[in-house]
Amino acid sequence: MARLQPYFPKNHGRERAEDRRVLSGIIFVNRNGLRRRDGLGEYGPAKAL
């Protein structure tokens, strides 16, 4: 995660979803061939995936 940290967007006043959780959700969706909106809620909002 430390190597990926520079590529994550900065917080500009709004609270953001946890980067590690969102990244895990992206990997889950891609591995299983799902659409973003079909991702599990525990990975954060579908817009973030």
Protein backbone atom coordinates (compact mmCIF):
# COMPACT_ATOMS: atom_id res chain seq x y z
CA MET A 1 0.00 0.00 0.00
CA ALA A 2 2.88 2.36 0.69
CA ARG A 3 4.02 2.11 -2.94
CA LEU A 4 0.49 2.84 -4.20
CA GLN A 5 -0.17 5.76 -1.83
CA PRO A 6 1.09 8.48 -4.23
CA TYR A 7 -1.50 7.41 -6.82
CA PHE A 8 -4.54 7.81 -4.56
CA PRO A 9 -6.44 11.10 -4.81
CA LYS A 10 -6.07 13.66 -2.06
CA ASN A 11 -8.85 14.53 0.34
CA HIS A 12 -10.34 17.91 -0.60
CA GLY A 13 -12.77 18.55 2.22
CA ARG A 14 -15.10 15.60 1.65
CA GLU A 15 -14.71 12.38 3.54
CA ARG A 16 -13.52 9.63 1.22
CA ALA A 17 -13.92 5.87 1.40
CA GLU A 18 -10.94 3.97 2.80
CA ASP A 19 -8.42 3.41 -0.02
CA ARG A 20 -7.51 -0.16 0.94
CA ARG A 21 -11.16 -1.22 1.07
CA VAL A 22 -11.99 0.38 -2.30
CA LEU A 23 -8.91 -1.16 -3.95
CA SER A 24 -9.93 -4.57 -2.59
CA GLY A 25 -13.41 -4.04 -4.03
CA ILE A 26 -12.02 -3.15 -7.46
CA ILE A 27 -9.96 -6.33 -7.47
CA PHE A 28 -12.99 -8.38 -6.35
CA VAL A 29 -15.20 -6.97 -9.11
CA ASN A 30 -12.55 -7.53 -11.81
CA ARG A 31 -11.72 -11.09 -10.71
CA ASN A 32 -15.34 -12.15 -10.66
CA GLY A 33 -16.37 -10.37 -13.85
CA LEU A 34 -19.03 -8.30 -12.11
CA ARG A 35 -20.36 -4.85 -12.83
CA ARG A 36 -19.46 -2.09 -10.38
CA ARG A 37 -22.97 -1.91 -9.00
CA ASP A 38 -22.91 -5.66 -8.29
CA GLY A 39 -19.94 -5.32 -5.94
CA LEU A 40 -20.50 -6.01 -2.28
CA GLY A 41 -21.48 -3.08 -0.06
CA GLU A 42 -18.63 -3.78 2.34
CA TYR A 43 -16.19 -2.46 -0.29
CA GLY A 44 -17.74 0.98 -0.26
CA PRO A 45 -20.08 2.79 -2.63
CA ALA A 46 -20.40 1.51 -6.22
CA LYS A 47 -19.31 4.92 -7.52
CA ALA A 48 -15.95 4.44 -5.80
CA LEU A 49 -15.37 1.09 -7.48
